């Protein structure tokens, strides 16, 4: 029993603690693309307009990939007809995908000035 406790302590001490600080790069990776949110990071203000737009484009692509993956996971549920609540989830995801497309067009227009 004592050996098991030592092994558990050794395993838990070798795992680094998760970082709770959000960074600009993490936000982009997670698909946060709105300039208002990205502007909360100090380094955002040091970037040129072109680089800011490239970050936004990358975040939009990431967000789209996340939404499509979630959509695919739901549509691949076995016996979908027995889970009507998933239809609502699909509708919500489709709405988010449409909103993302609209936002993308607006941002392309805003950053082309």
C-alpha atoms as a PDB file:
ATOM      1  CA  UNK A   1       0.000   0.000   0.000  1.00  0.00           C
ATOM      2  CA  UNK A   2       2.809   2.393   0.873  1.00  0.00           C
ATOM      3  CA  UNK A   3       4.532   1.679  -2.446  1.00  0.00           C
ATOM      4  CA  UNK A   4       1.361   2.595  -4.326  1.00  0.00           C
ATOM      5  CA  UNK A   5       1.186   5.942  -2.504  1.00  0.00           C
ATOM      6  CA  UNK A   6       4.830   6.687  -3.360  1.00  0.00           C
ATOM      7  CA  UNK A   7       4.216   5.807  -7.007  1.00  0.00           C
ATOM      8  CA  UNK A   8       1.157   8.089  -7.139  1.00  0.00           C
ATOM      9  CA  UNK A   9       3.103  10.942  -5.564  1.00  0.00           C
ATOM     10  CA  UNK A  10       5.987  10.465  -7.983  1.00  0.00           C
ATOM     11  CA  UNK A  11       3.636  10.439 -10.992  1.00  0.00           C
ATOM     12  CA  UNK A  12       1.720  13.516  -9.865  1.00  0.00           C
ATOM     13  CA  UNK A  13       4.878  15.497  -9.105  1.00  0.00           C
ATOM     14  CA  UNK A  14       6.355  14.810 -12.551  1.00  0.00           C
ATOM     15  CA  UNK A  15       3.341  16.287 -14.356  1.00  0.00           C
ATOM     16  CA  UNK A  16       3.658  20.047 -14.826  1.00  0.00           C
ATOM     17  CA  UNK A  17       0.852  22.178 -13.489  1.00  0.00           C
ATOM     18  CA  UNK A  18      -1.480  23.440 -16.212  1.00  0.00           C
ATOM     19  CA  UNK A  19      -1.081  27.071 -17.146  1.00  0.00           C
ATOM     20  CA  UNK A  20      -4.167  29.117 -16.381  1.00  0.00           C
ATOM     21  CA  UNK A  21      -2.962  32.232 -18.156  1.00  0.00           C
ATOM     22  CA  UNK A  22      -4.495  32.900 -21.549  1.00  0.00           C
ATOM     23  CA  UNK A  23      -2.063  34.239 -24.111  1.00  0.00           C
ATOM     24  CA  UNK A  24      -2.640  35.749 -27.506  1.00  0.00           C
ATOM     25  CA  UNK A  25      -1.317  32.620 -29.207  1.00  0.00           C
ATOM     26  CA  UNK A  26      -3.573  30.352 -27.114  1.00  0.00           C
ATOM     27  CA  UNK A  27      -6.583  32.517 -27.880  1.00  0.00           C
ATOM     28  CA  UNK A  28      -5.835  32.343 -31.615  1.00  0.00           C
ATOM     29  CA  UNK A  29      -5.374  28.577 -31.386  1.00  0.00           C
ATOM     30  CA  UNK A  30      -8.739  28.255 -29.628  1.00  0.00           C
ATOM     31  CA  UNK A  31     -10.447  30.255 -32.363  1.00  0.00           C
ATOM     32  CA  UNK A  32     -10.933  33.648 -30.721  1.00  0.00           C
ATOM     33  CA  UNK A  33     -10.951  36.021 -33.668  1.00  0.00           C
ATOM     34  CA  UNK A  34     -12.779  39.167 -32.574  1.00  0.00           C
ATOM     35  CA  UNK A  35     -10.446  42.166 -32.527  1.00  0.00           C
ATOM     36  CA  UNK A  36     -12.163  43.539 -29.411  1.00  0.00           C
ATOM     37  CA  UNK A  37     -11.123  40.456 -27.451  1.00  0.00           C
ATOM     38  CA  UNK A  38      -7.680  40.187 -29.013  1.00  0.00           C
ATOM     39  CA  UNK A  39      -7.048  43.822 -28.095  1.00  0.00           C
ATOM     40  CA  UNK A  40      -7.110  42.824 -24.418  1.00  0.00           C
ATOM     41  CA  UNK A  41      -3.655  41.327 -24.907  1.00  0.00           C
ATOM     42  CA  UNK A  42      -0.887  43.952 -24.656  1.00  0.00           C
ATOM     43  CA  UNK A  43       1.159  42.445 -27.486  1.00  0.00           C
ATOM     44  CA  UNK A  44      -1.776  42.915 -29.884  1.00  0.00           C
ATOM     45  CA  UNK A  45      -1.107  46.652 -29.900  1.00  0.00           C
ATOM     46  CA  UNK A  46       2.512  46.150 -30.916  1.00  0.00           C
ATOM     47  CA  UNK A  47       1.554  44.298 -34.111  1.00  0.00           C
ATOM     48  CA  UNK A  48       1.099  45.907 -37.484  1.00  0.00           C
ATOM     49  CA  UNK A  49      -2.371  45.933 -39.013  1.00  0.00           C
ATOM     50  CA  UNK A  50      -1.270  43.280 -41.518  1.00  0.00           C
ATOM     51  CA  UNK A  51      -0.028  40.919 -38.793  1.00  0.00           C
ATOM     52  CA  UNK A  52      -3.185  41.508 -36.758  1.00  0.00           C
ATOM     53  CA  UNK A  53      -5.240  40.516 -39.787  1.00  0.00           C
ATOM     54  CA  UNK A  54      -3.136  37.384 -40.327  1.00  0.00           C
ATOM     55  CA  UNK A  55      -3.784  36.395 -36.705  1.00  0.00           C
ATOM     56  CA  UNK A  56      -7.504  37.020 -37.216  1.00  0.00           C
ATOM     57  CA  UNK A  57      -7.520  34.884 -40.378  1.00  0.00           C
ATOM     58  CA  UNK A  58      -5.751  32.067 -38.560  1.00  0.00           C
ATOM     59  CA  UNK A  59      -8.216  32.278 -35.640  1.00  0.00           C
ATOM     60  CA  UNK A  60     -11.192  32.222 -38.027  1.00  0.00           C
ATOM     61  CA  UNK A  61      -9.809  29.099 -39.702  1.00  0.00           C
ATOM     62  CA  UNK A  62      -9.281  27.487 -36.301  1.00  0.00           C
ATOM     63  CA  UNK A  63     -12.783  28.401 -35.143  1.00  0.00           C
ATOM     64  CA  UNK A  64     -14.289  27.040 -38.345  1.00  0.00           C
ATOM     65  CA  UNK A  65     -12.386  23.778 -37.926  1.00  0.00           C
ATOM     66  CA  UNK A  66     -13.584  23.472 -34.302  1.00  0.00           C
ATOM     67  CA  UNK A  67     -17.211  24.073 -35.281  1.00  0.00           C
ATOM     68  CA  UNK A  68     -17.087  21.621 -38.202  1.00  0.00           C
ATOM     69  CA  UNK A  69     -15.510  18.988 -35.951  1.00  0.00           C
ATOM     70  CA  UNK A  70     -18.221  19.464 -33.326  1.00  0.00           C
ATOM     71  CA  UNK A  71     -20.891  19.286 -36.026  1.00  0.00           C
ATOM     72  CA  UNK A  72     -19.399  16.049 -37.391  1.00  0.00           C
ATOM     73  CA  UNK A  73     -19.202  14.489 -33.927  1.00  0.00           C
ATOM     74  CA  UNK A  74     -22.886  15.153 -33.328  1.00  0.00           C
ATOM     75  CA  UNK A  75     -24.047  13.945 -36.744  1.00  0.00           C
ATOM     76  CA  UNK A  76     -22.090  10.715 -36.283  1.00  0.00           C
ATOM     77  CA  UNK A  77     -23.909   9.780 -33.069  1.00  0.00           C
ATOM     78  CA  UNK A  78     -25.417   6.338 -33.327  1.00  0.00           C
ATOM     79  CA  UNK A  79     -29.197   6.195 -33.302  1.00  0.00           C
ATOM     80  CA  UNK A  80     -29.591   9.927 -33.737  1.00  0.00           C
ATOM     81  CA  UNK A  81     -33.389   9.625 -33.850  1.00  0.00           C
ATOM     82  CA  UNK A  82     -33.431   8.661 -30.154  1.00  0.00           C
ATOM     83  CA  UNK A  83     -31.644  11.873 -29.187  1.00  0.00           C
ATOM     84  CA  UNK A  84     -33.819  14.769 -30.383  1.00  0.00           C
ATOM     85  CA  UNK A  85     -31.935  17.279 -28.229  1.00  0.00           C
ATOM     86  CA  UNK A  86     -28.989  16.866 -30.575  1.00  0.00           C
ATOM     87  CA  UNK A  87     -31.025  18.476 -33.360  1.00  0.00           C
ATOM     88  CA  UNK A  88     -31.003  21.690 -31.332  1.00  0.00           C
ATOM     89  CA  UNK A  89     -27.235  21.393 -30.869  1.00  0.00           C
ATOM     90  CA  UNK A  90     -26.820  20.986 -34.633  1.00  0.00           C
ATOM     91  CA  UNK A  91     -28.960  24.051 -35.276  1.00  0.00           C
ATOM     92  CA  UNK A  92     -26.863  26.053 -32.821  1.00  0.00           C
ATOM     93  CA  UNK A  93     -23.642  24.939 -34.493  1.00  0.00           C
ATOM     94  CA  UNK A  94     -24.994  25.754 -37.943  1.00  0.00           C
ATOM     95  CA  UNK A  95     -25.986  29.206 -36.671  1.00  0.00           C
ATOM     96  CA  UNK A  96     -22.469  29.747 -35.290  1.00  0.00           C
ATOM     97  CA  UNK A  97     -20.936  28.643 -38.590  1.00  0.00           C
ATOM     98  CA  UNK A  98     -23.134  31.115 -40.472  1.00  0.00           C
ATOM     99  CA  UNK A  99     -22.258  33.916 -38.029  1.00  0.00           C
ATOM    100  CA  UNK A 100     -18.576  33.088 -38.489  1.00  0.00           C
ATOM    101  CA  UNK A 101     -18.940  33.475 -42.261  1.00  0.00           C
ATOM    102  CA  UNK A 102     -20.607  36.857 -41.852  1.00  0.00           C
ATOM    103  CA  UNK A 103     -17.957  38.001 -39.359  1.00  0.00           C
ATOM    104  CA  UNK A 104     -15.229  36.827 -41.716  1.00  0.00           C
ATOM    105  CA  UNK A 105     -16.601  38.954 -44.546  1.00  0.00           C
ATOM    106  CA  UNK A 106     -16.905  42.004 -42.260  1.00  0.00           C
ATOM    107  CA  UNK A 107     -13.360  41.596 -40.991  1.00  0.00           C
ATOM    108  CA  UNK A 108     -11.971  41.159 -44.495  1.00  0.00           C
ATOM    109  CA  UNK A 109     -13.691  44.403 -45.445  1.00  0.00           C
ATOM    110  CA  UNK A 110     -12.505  46.247 -42.310  1.00  0.00           C
ATOM    111  CA  UNK A 111      -8.891  45.157 -42.699  1.00  0.00           C
ATOM    112  CA  UNK A 112      -8.763  45.866 -46.433  1.00  0.00           C
ATOM    113  CA  UNK A 113      -8.981  49.622 -45.784  1.00  0.00           C
END
